[in-house]
């Protein structure tokens, strides 16, 4: 496995799909949690 620029051994991809009005609060909370750990998250509507 190739090494990353910061010597990690692996990478993780996180996605948050189906963002809708009825779960908006949970998606906002999820985004805030990821940001608090300085992690990337891709969202879909």
PDB file of N, CA and C in Angstrom:
ATOM      1  N   UNK A   1       0.843  -1.170   0.000  1.00  0.00           N
ATOM      2  CA  UNK A   1       0.000   0.000   0.000  1.00  0.00           C
ATOM      3  C   UNK A   1       0.894   1.240   0.000  1.00  0.00           C
ATOM      4  N   UNK A   2       0.565   2.170  -0.845  1.00  0.00           N
ATOM      5  CA  UNK A   2       1.376   3.386  -0.888  1.00  0.00           C
ATOM      6  C   UNK A   2       1.148   4.228   0.360  1.00  0.00           C
ATOM      7  N   UNK A   3       2.170   4.953   0.746  1.00  0.00           N
ATOM      8  CA  UNK A   3       2.057   5.794   1.930  1.00  0.00           C
ATOM      9  C   UNK A   3       1.494   7.155   1.554  1.00  0.00           C
ATOM     10  N   UNK A   4       0.759   7.720   2.463  1.00  0.00           N
ATOM     11  CA  UNK A   4       0.180   9.035   2.276  1.00  0.00           C
ATOM     12  C   UNK A   4       1.150  10.101   2.750  1.00  0.00           C
ATOM     13  N   UNK A   5       0.858  11.343   2.427  1.00  0.00           N
ATOM     14  CA  UNK A   5       1.773  12.438   2.762  1.00  0.00           C
ATOM     15  C   UNK A   5       2.034  12.562   4.254  1.00  0.00           C
ATOM     16  N   UNK A   6       1.108  12.097   5.102  1.00  0.00           N
ATOM     17  CA  UNK A   6       1.299  12.230   6.549  1.00  0.00           C
ATOM     18  C   UNK A   6       1.521  10.871   7.220  1.00  0.00           C
ATOM     19  N   UNK A   7       2.008   9.899   6.436  1.00  0.00           N
ATOM     20  CA  UNK A   7       2.374   8.569   6.926  1.00  0.00           C
ATOM     21  C   UNK A   7       1.211   7.726   7.434  1.00  0.00           C
ATOM     22  N   UNK A   8      -0.002   8.005   6.980  1.00  0.00           N
ATOM     23  CA  UNK A   8      -1.135   7.140   7.327  1.00  0.00           C
ATOM     24  C   UNK A   8      -0.986   5.816   6.599  1.00  0.00           C
ATOM     25  N   UNK A   9      -1.628   4.799   7.120  1.00  0.00           N
ATOM     26  CA  UNK A   9      -1.621   3.495   6.469  1.00  0.00           C
ATOM     27  C   UNK A   9      -2.901   3.231   5.684  1.00  0.00           C
ATOM     28  N   UNK A  10      -3.935   4.005   5.929  1.00  0.00           N
ATOM     29  CA  UNK A  10      -5.212   3.776   5.253  1.00  0.00           C
ATOM     30  C   UNK A  10      -5.998   5.082   5.169  1.00  0.00           C
ATOM     31  N   UNK A  11      -7.008   5.071   4.339  1.00  0.00           N
ATOM     32  CA  UNK A  11      -7.901   6.220   4.207  1.00  0.00           C
ATOM     33  C   UNK A  11      -9.343   5.745   4.328  1.00  0.00           C
ATOM     34  N   UNK A  12     -10.210   6.631   4.769  1.00  0.00           N
ATOM     35  CA  UNK A  12     -11.631   6.315   4.923  1.00  0.00           C
ATOM     36  C   UNK A  12     -12.430   7.379   4.190  1.00  0.00           C
ATOM     37  N   UNK A  13     -13.467   6.952   3.502  1.00  0.00           N
ATOM     38  CA  UNK A  13     -14.374   7.877   2.848  1.00  0.00           C
ATOM     39  C   UNK A  13     -15.708   7.844   3.579  1.00  0.00           C
ATOM     40  N   UNK A  14     -16.197   9.005   3.971  1.00  0.00           N
ATOM     41  CA  UNK A  14     -17.484   9.099   4.665  1.00  0.00           C
ATOM     42  C   UNK A  14     -18.449   9.916   3.819  1.00  0.00           C
ATOM     43  N   UNK A  15     -19.652   9.390   3.639  1.00  0.00           N
ATOM     44  CA  UNK A  15     -20.679  10.104   2.896  1.00  0.00           C
ATOM     45  C   UNK A  15     -21.955  10.148   3.721  1.00  0.00           C
ATOM     46  N   UNK A  16     -22.701  11.212   3.557  1.00  0.00           N
ATOM     47  CA  UNK A  16     -24.006  11.360   4.203  1.00  0.00           C
ATOM     48  C   UNK A  16     -25.022  11.550   3.083  1.00  0.00           C
ATOM     49  N   UNK A  17     -25.784  10.521   2.795  1.00  0.00           N
ATOM     50  CA  UNK A  17     -26.712  10.533   1.666  1.00  0.00           C
ATOM     51  C   UNK A  17     -28.147  10.816   2.116  1.00  0.00           C
ATOM     52  N   UNK A  18     -28.943  11.234   1.164  1.00  0.00           N
ATOM     53  CA  UNK A  18     -30.381  11.450   1.356  1.00  0.00           C
ATOM     54  C   UNK A  18     -30.703  12.516   2.396  1.00  0.00           C
ATOM     55  N   UNK A  19     -30.005  13.634   2.325  1.00  0.00           N
ATOM     56  CA  UNK A  19     -30.297  14.760   3.211  1.00  0.00           C
ATOM     57  C   UNK A  19     -31.696  15.273   2.855  1.00  0.00           C
ATOM     58  N   UNK A  20     -32.601  15.222   3.800  1.00  0.00           N
ATOM     59  CA  UNK A  20     -33.981  15.651   3.568  1.00  0.00           C
ATOM     60  C   UNK A  20     -34.466  16.468   4.757  1.00  0.00           C
ATOM     61  N   UNK A  21     -35.542  17.193   4.570  1.00  0.00           N
ATOM     62  CA  UNK A  21     -36.066  18.058   5.613  1.00  0.00           C
ATOM     63  C   UNK A  21     -36.398  17.347   6.910  1.00  0.00           C
ATOM     64  N   UNK A  22     -36.906  16.127   6.808  1.00  0.00           N
ATOM     65  CA  UNK A  22     -37.325  15.405   8.014  1.00  0.00           C
ATOM     66  C   UNK A  22     -36.159  14.884   8.848  1.00  0.00           C
ATOM     67  N   UNK A  23     -34.940  14.927   8.328  1.00  0.00           N
ATOM     68  CA  UNK A  23     -33.753  14.529   9.102  1.00  0.00           C
ATOM     69  C   UNK A  23     -32.700  15.637   9.110  1.00  0.00           C
ATOM     70  N   UNK A  24     -33.110  16.846   8.804  1.00  0.00           N
ATOM     71  CA  UNK A  24     -32.167  17.957   8.695  1.00  0.00           C
ATOM     72  C   UNK A  24     -31.338  18.137   9.966  1.00  0.00           C
ATOM     73  N   UNK A  25     -31.977  18.111  11.134  1.00  0.00           N
ATOM     74  CA  UNK A  25     -31.246  18.315  12.391  1.00  0.00           C
ATOM     75  C   UNK A  25     -30.152  17.275  12.591  1.00  0.00           C
ATOM     76  N   UNK A  26     -30.436  16.027  12.225  1.00  0.00           N
ATOM     77  CA  UNK A  26     -29.440  14.962  12.397  1.00  0.00           C
ATOM     78  C   UNK A  26     -28.278  15.137  11.428  1.00  0.00           C
ATOM     79  N   UNK A  27     -28.570  15.598  10.215  1.00  0.00           N
ATOM     80  CA  UNK A  27     -27.490  15.832   9.264  1.00  0.00           C
ATOM     81  C   UNK A  27     -26.612  16.996   9.708  1.00  0.00           C
ATOM     82  N   UNK A  28     -27.217  18.048  10.227  1.00  0.00           N
ATOM     83  CA  UNK A  28     -26.437  19.182  10.721  1.00  0.00           C
ATOM     84  C   UNK A  28     -25.550  18.729  11.874  1.00  0.00           C
ATOM     85  N   UNK A  29     -26.098  17.942  12.780  1.00  0.00           N
ATOM     86  CA  UNK A  29     -25.314  17.434  13.908  1.00  0.00           C
ATOM     87  C   UNK A  29     -24.165  16.554  13.413  1.00  0.00           C
ATOM     88  N   UNK A  30     -24.433  15.705  12.437  1.00  0.00           N
ATOM     89  CA  UNK A  30     -23.390  14.843  11.876  1.00  0.00           C
ATOM     90  C   UNK A  30     -22.264  15.678  11.274  1.00  0.00           C
ATOM     91  N   UNK A  31     -22.617  16.699  10.510  1.00  0.00           N
ATOM     92  CA  UNK A  31     -21.599  17.574   9.913  1.00  0.00           C
ATOM     93  C   UNK A  31     -20.771  18.262  10.991  1.00  0.00           C
ATOM     94  N   UNK A  32     -21.420  18.713  12.052  1.00  0.00           N
ATOM     95  CA  UNK A  32     -20.698  19.380  13.133  1.00  0.00           C
ATOM     96  C   UNK A  32     -19.744  18.430  13.844  1.00  0.00           C
ATOM     97  N   UNK A  33     -20.154  17.190  14.036  1.00  0.00           N
ATOM     98  CA  UNK A  33     -19.274  16.203  14.679  1.00  0.00           C
ATOM     99  C   UNK A  33     -18.044  15.956  13.815  1.00  0.00           C
ATOM    100  N   UNK A  34     -18.246  15.747  12.518  1.00  0.00           N
ATOM    101  CA  UNK A  34     -17.107  15.529  11.624  1.00  0.00           C
ATOM    102  C   UNK A  34     -16.179  16.738  11.631  1.00  0.00           C
ATOM    103  N   UNK A  35     -16.744  17.946  11.586  1.00  0.00           N
ATOM    104  CA  UNK A  35     -15.915  19.156  11.591  1.00  0.00           C
ATOM    105  C   UNK A  35     -15.145  19.305  12.893  1.00  0.00           C
ATOM    106  N   UNK A  36     -15.743  18.893  14.006  1.00  0.00           N
ATOM    107  CA  UNK A  36     -15.059  19.031  15.298  1.00  0.00           C
ATOM    108  C   UNK A  36     -13.807  18.162  15.367  1.00  0.00           C
ATOM    109  N   UNK A  37     -13.801  17.067  14.584  1.00  0.00           N
ATOM    110  CA  UNK A  37     -12.628  16.195  14.525  1.00  0.00           C
ATOM    111  C   UNK A  37     -11.750  16.508  13.311  1.00  0.00           C
ATOM    112  N   UNK A  38     -12.079  17.597  12.589  1.00  0.00           N
ATOM    113  CA  UNK A  38     -11.341  18.007  11.398  1.00  0.00           C
ATOM    114  C   UNK A  38     -11.328  16.906  10.339  1.00  0.00           C
ATOM    115  N   UNK A  39     -12.496  16.262  10.162  1.00  0.00           N
ATOM    116  CA  UNK A  39     -12.652  15.189   9.180  1.00  0.00           C
ATOM    117  C   UNK A  39     -13.512  15.673   8.018  1.00  0.00           C
ATOM    118  N   UNK A  40     -13.226  15.149   6.835  1.00  0.00           N
ATOM    119  CA  UNK A  40     -13.990  15.479   5.640  1.00  0.00           C
ATOM    120  C   UNK A  40     -15.234  14.611   5.569  1.00  0.00           C
ATOM    121  N   UNK A  41     -16.318  15.189   5.069  1.00  0.00           N
ATOM    122  CA  UNK A  41     -17.579  14.476   4.883  1.00  0.00           C
ATOM    123  C   UNK A  41     -18.235  15.019   3.633  1.00  0.00           C
ATOM    124  N   UNK A  42     -18.651  14.136   2.740  1.00  0.00           N
ATOM    125  CA  UNK A  42     -19.389  14.596   1.570  1.00  0.00           C
ATOM    126  C   UNK A  42     -20.867  14.321   1.800  1.00  0.00           C
ATOM    127  N   UNK A  43     -21.693  15.286   1.419  1.00  0.00           N
ATOM    128  CA  UNK A  43     -23.141  15.179   1.641  1.00  0.00           C
ATOM    129  C   UNK A  43     -23.877  15.170   0.311  1.00  0.00           C
ATOM    130  N   UNK A  44     -25.035  14.523   0.312  1.00  0.00           N
ATOM    131  CA  UNK A  44     -25.880  14.478  -0.876  1.00  0.00           C
ATOM    132  C   UNK A  44     -27.303  14.851  -0.483  1.00  0.00           C
ATOM    133  N   UNK A  45     -27.995  15.431  -1.434  1.00  0.00           N
ATOM    134  CA  UNK A  45     -29.378  15.850  -1.182  1.00  0.00           C
ATOM    135  C   UNK A  45     -30.312  14.830  -1.787  1.00  0.00           C
TER     136      UNK A  45
END
